[in-house]
């Protein structure tokens, strides 16, 4: 049975992650990906937090480009760690 997979990544890796997401989707995995699933007008911060909480799997895409990034990428990682502590 497919599981809902939340995909977190840093912006410089968006092309590579998009290919990974498409591969997972073609294998029947229910993937949440901001580029496909965030809609205009949504409170994107709250949507992302809710999706992390509802996900069965959290895929954190790390790379040399993401290692020194700051901002929302790290907020997603912290949110996922906080959710994992409550399970």
N, C-alpha and C. Protein backbone atom coordinates (compact mmCIF):
# COMPACT_ATOMS: atom_id res chain seq x y z
N UNK A 1 0.84 -1.18 0.00
CA UNK A 1 0.00 0.00 0.00
C UNK A 1 0.89 1.24 0.00
N UNK A 2 0.62 2.21 -0.87
CA UNK A 2 1.43 3.43 -0.91
C UNK A 2 1.31 4.21 0.39
N UNK A 3 2.36 4.89 0.74
CA UNK A 3 2.38 5.72 1.93
C UNK A 3 2.54 7.17 1.51
N UNK A 4 2.04 8.07 2.32
CA UNK A 4 2.20 9.48 2.02
C UNK A 4 3.60 9.91 2.41
N UNK A 5 4.32 10.45 1.44
CA UNK A 5 5.72 10.83 1.61
C UNK A 5 5.84 12.34 1.46
N UNK A 6 6.34 13.01 2.50
CA UNK A 6 6.62 14.44 2.43
C UNK A 6 8.06 14.61 1.98
N UNK A 7 8.28 15.46 1.00
CA UNK A 7 9.61 15.65 0.45
C UNK A 7 10.12 17.05 0.81
N UNK A 8 11.24 17.10 1.52
CA UNK A 8 11.84 18.36 1.93
C UNK A 8 13.20 18.51 1.24
N UNK A 9 13.47 19.72 0.76
CA UNK A 9 14.70 19.94 0.00
C UNK A 9 15.05 21.42 0.02
N UNK A 10 16.27 21.72 -0.31
CA UNK A 10 16.70 23.12 -0.47
C UNK A 10 16.50 23.52 -1.94
N UNK A 11 16.17 24.76 -2.15
CA UNK A 11 15.84 25.26 -3.49
C UNK A 11 16.89 24.93 -4.56
N UNK A 12 18.20 24.99 -4.26
CA UNK A 12 19.16 24.67 -5.32
C UNK A 12 19.04 23.25 -5.86
N UNK A 13 18.37 22.39 -5.12
CA UNK A 13 18.22 20.98 -5.53
C UNK A 13 16.87 20.67 -6.15
N UNK A 14 16.09 21.69 -6.46
CA UNK A 14 14.72 21.45 -6.90
C UNK A 14 14.61 20.59 -8.16
N UNK A 15 15.50 20.74 -9.12
CA UNK A 15 15.42 19.94 -10.34
C UNK A 15 15.67 18.46 -10.06
N UNK A 16 16.69 18.17 -9.28
CA UNK A 16 17.00 16.78 -8.94
C UNK A 16 15.90 16.16 -8.10
N UNK A 17 15.36 16.93 -7.17
CA UNK A 17 14.30 16.42 -6.30
C UNK A 17 13.02 16.20 -7.10
N UNK A 18 12.73 17.08 -8.04
CA UNK A 18 11.55 16.90 -8.89
C UNK A 18 11.63 15.56 -9.63
N UNK A 19 12.80 15.21 -10.14
CA UNK A 19 12.98 13.91 -10.82
C UNK A 19 12.75 12.77 -9.84
N UNK A 20 13.24 12.91 -8.62
CA UNK A 20 13.04 11.88 -7.59
C UNK A 20 11.57 11.73 -7.25
N UNK A 21 10.87 12.84 -7.13
CA UNK A 21 9.43 12.82 -6.84
C UNK A 21 8.67 12.13 -7.96
N UNK A 22 8.99 12.47 -9.20
CA UNK A 22 8.31 11.84 -10.33
C UNK A 22 8.56 10.33 -10.36
N UNK A 23 9.77 9.91 -10.04
CA UNK A 23 10.09 8.49 -9.97
C UNK A 23 9.24 7.80 -8.90
N UNK A 24 9.16 8.41 -7.73
CA UNK A 24 8.36 7.83 -6.63
C UNK A 24 6.89 7.75 -7.02
N UNK A 25 6.38 8.80 -7.63
CA UNK A 25 4.97 8.80 -8.05
C UNK A 25 4.71 7.71 -9.08
N UNK A 26 5.64 7.51 -10.01
CA UNK A 26 5.46 6.47 -11.03
C UNK A 26 5.47 5.08 -10.42
N UNK A 27 6.06 4.95 -9.22
CA UNK A 27 6.08 3.67 -8.51
C UNK A 27 4.85 3.52 -7.62
N UNK A 28 3.94 4.49 -7.65
CA UNK A 28 2.70 4.39 -6.90
C UNK A 28 2.75 4.98 -5.50
N UNK A 29 3.81 5.71 -5.18
CA UNK A 29 3.92 6.31 -3.86
C UNK A 29 3.15 7.63 -3.85
N UNK A 30 2.38 7.86 -2.81
CA UNK A 30 1.63 9.10 -2.63
C UNK A 30 2.61 10.14 -2.07
N UNK A 31 3.10 11.01 -2.93
CA UNK A 31 4.13 11.98 -2.57
C UNK A 31 3.53 13.37 -2.45
N UNK A 32 3.86 14.07 -1.36
CA UNK A 32 3.51 15.49 -1.25
C UNK A 32 4.76 16.28 -1.61
N UNK A 33 4.60 17.18 -2.58
CA UNK A 33 5.72 17.97 -3.08
C UNK A 33 5.22 19.39 -3.30
N UNK A 34 5.86 20.36 -2.69
CA UNK A 34 5.35 21.73 -2.71
C UNK A 34 5.11 22.26 -4.12
N UNK A 35 5.98 21.95 -5.05
CA UNK A 35 5.84 22.46 -6.42
C UNK A 35 4.57 21.95 -7.10
N UNK A 36 4.09 20.79 -6.65
CA UNK A 36 2.87 20.20 -7.23
C UNK A 36 1.63 20.43 -6.38
N UNK A 37 1.81 20.53 -5.06
CA UNK A 37 0.67 20.44 -4.16
C UNK A 37 0.30 21.72 -3.42
N UNK A 38 1.15 22.71 -3.41
CA UNK A 38 0.77 23.99 -2.81
C UNK A 38 -0.03 24.79 -3.82
N UNK A 39 -1.14 25.32 -3.39
CA UNK A 39 -2.02 26.08 -4.28
C UNK A 39 -1.96 27.56 -3.93
N UNK A 40 -2.13 28.39 -4.92
CA UNK A 40 -2.15 29.83 -4.70
C UNK A 40 -3.23 30.22 -3.70
N UNK A 41 -2.88 31.13 -2.81
CA UNK A 41 -3.84 31.60 -1.82
C UNK A 41 -3.85 30.80 -0.53
N UNK A 42 -3.20 29.63 -0.52
CA UNK A 42 -3.14 28.83 0.70
C UNK A 42 -2.16 29.45 1.69
N UNK A 43 -2.41 29.23 2.97
CA UNK A 43 -1.46 29.60 4.01
C UNK A 43 -0.37 28.54 3.96
N UNK A 44 0.65 28.77 3.11
CA UNK A 44 1.63 27.73 2.81
C UNK A 44 2.37 27.26 4.06
N UNK A 45 2.61 28.15 5.00
CA UNK A 45 3.29 27.73 6.22
C UNK A 45 2.47 26.68 6.96
N UNK A 46 1.17 26.95 7.14
CA UNK A 46 0.31 26.01 7.86
C UNK A 46 0.10 24.73 7.06
N UNK A 47 -0.04 24.84 5.75
CA UNK A 47 -0.22 23.65 4.92
C UNK A 47 0.99 22.72 5.07
N UNK A 48 2.19 23.29 5.01
CA UNK A 48 3.40 22.47 5.13
C UNK A 48 3.48 21.80 6.49
N UNK A 49 3.19 22.53 7.55
CA UNK A 49 3.20 21.93 8.89
C UNK A 49 2.19 20.79 8.97
N UNK A 50 0.97 21.03 8.47
CA UNK A 50 -0.07 19.98 8.49
C UNK A 50 0.35 18.77 7.69
N UNK A 51 0.95 18.99 6.52
CA UNK A 51 1.37 17.86 5.68
C UNK A 51 2.48 17.06 6.34
N UNK A 52 3.40 17.73 7.01
CA UNK A 52 4.46 17.00 7.73
C UNK A 52 3.83 16.15 8.82
N UNK A 53 2.87 16.70 9.55
CA UNK A 53 2.21 15.96 10.63
C UNK A 53 1.44 14.75 10.11
N UNK A 54 0.86 14.86 8.92
CA UNK A 54 0.05 13.78 8.36
C UNK A 54 0.86 12.75 7.59
N UNK A 55 2.07 13.10 7.22
CA UNK A 55 2.89 12.19 6.41
C UNK A 55 3.28 10.94 7.20
N UNK A 56 3.37 9.83 6.50
CA UNK A 56 3.85 8.60 7.10
C UNK A 56 5.36 8.49 6.96
N UNK A 57 5.90 9.17 5.95
CA UNK A 57 7.34 9.19 5.72
C UNK A 57 7.78 10.62 5.44
N UNK A 58 8.99 10.97 5.87
CA UNK A 58 9.55 12.29 5.63
C UNK A 58 10.88 12.08 4.94
N UNK A 59 11.00 12.56 3.72
CA UNK A 59 12.24 12.43 2.95
C UNK A 59 12.97 13.76 2.97
N UNK A 60 14.11 13.80 3.64
CA UNK A 60 14.94 14.99 3.72
C UNK A 60 16.07 14.84 2.71
N UNK A 61 16.06 15.66 1.70
CA UNK A 61 17.06 15.59 0.63
C UNK A 61 18.23 16.50 0.98
N UNK A 62 19.33 15.89 1.38
CA UNK A 62 20.52 16.65 1.75
C UNK A 62 21.54 16.60 0.63
N UNK A 63 22.29 17.67 0.49
CA UNK A 63 23.33 17.74 -0.53
C UNK A 63 24.37 18.78 -0.09
N UNK A 64 25.44 18.88 -0.84
CA UNK A 64 26.44 19.91 -0.55
C UNK A 64 25.81 21.30 -0.63
N UNK A 65 24.87 21.48 -1.55
CA UNK A 65 24.21 22.77 -1.71
C UNK A 65 23.27 23.08 -0.56
N UNK A 66 22.67 22.07 0.04
CA UNK A 66 21.71 22.31 1.13
C UNK A 66 22.37 22.44 2.48
N UNK A 67 23.55 21.95 2.62
CA UNK A 67 24.22 21.89 3.92
C UNK A 67 24.38 23.26 4.56
N UNK A 68 24.65 24.28 3.79
CA UNK A 68 24.87 25.61 4.34
C UNK A 68 23.66 26.53 4.19
N UNK A 69 22.54 25.98 3.78
CA UNK A 69 21.34 26.79 3.59
C UNK A 69 20.68 27.09 4.93
N UNK A 70 20.03 28.21 4.99
CA UNK A 70 19.23 28.58 6.15
C UNK A 70 17.82 28.84 5.65
N UNK A 71 16.90 28.94 6.56
CA UNK A 71 15.55 29.31 6.17
C UNK A 71 14.57 28.16 6.31
N UNK A 72 13.63 28.12 5.40
CA UNK A 72 12.48 27.21 5.54
C UNK A 72 12.87 25.75 5.48
N UNK A 73 13.90 25.41 4.76
CA UNK A 73 14.40 24.03 4.69
C UNK A 73 14.66 23.49 6.10
N UNK A 74 15.30 24.30 6.94
CA UNK A 74 15.59 23.87 8.31
C UNK A 74 14.35 23.87 9.17
N UNK A 75 13.41 24.74 8.90
CA UNK A 75 12.15 24.74 9.65
C UNK A 75 11.40 23.45 9.40
N UNK A 76 11.37 22.98 8.15
CA UNK A 76 10.72 21.71 7.85
C UNK A 76 11.39 20.57 8.60
N UNK A 77 12.71 20.58 8.64
CA UNK A 77 13.45 19.52 9.33
C UNK A 77 13.13 19.56 10.83
N UNK A 78 13.12 20.73 11.43
CA UNK A 78 12.80 20.84 12.86
C UNK A 78 11.37 20.40 13.13
N UNK A 79 10.44 20.78 12.27
CA UNK A 79 9.05 20.37 12.44
C UNK A 79 8.93 18.85 12.40
N UNK A 80 9.60 18.22 11.44
CA UNK A 80 9.57 16.76 11.33
C UNK A 80 10.15 16.11 12.59
N UNK A 81 11.24 16.64 13.11
CA UNK A 81 11.83 16.09 14.33
C UNK A 81 10.89 16.25 15.52
N UNK A 82 10.22 17.38 15.60
CA UNK A 82 9.25 17.60 16.69
C UNK A 82 8.08 16.62 16.58
N UNK A 83 7.59 16.41 15.38
CA UNK A 83 6.49 15.46 15.16
C UNK A 83 6.94 14.04 15.54
N UNK A 84 8.15 13.67 15.15
CA UNK A 84 8.66 12.34 15.46
C UNK A 84 8.76 12.10 16.96
N UNK A 85 9.04 13.13 17.71
CA UNK A 85 9.13 13.00 19.18
C UNK A 85 7.79 12.71 19.82
N UNK A 86 6.69 13.08 19.15
CA UNK A 86 5.37 12.91 19.73
C UNK A 86 4.72 11.60 19.34
N UNK A 87 5.32 10.86 18.46
CA UNK A 87 4.73 9.60 17.98
C UNK A 87 5.08 8.47 18.92
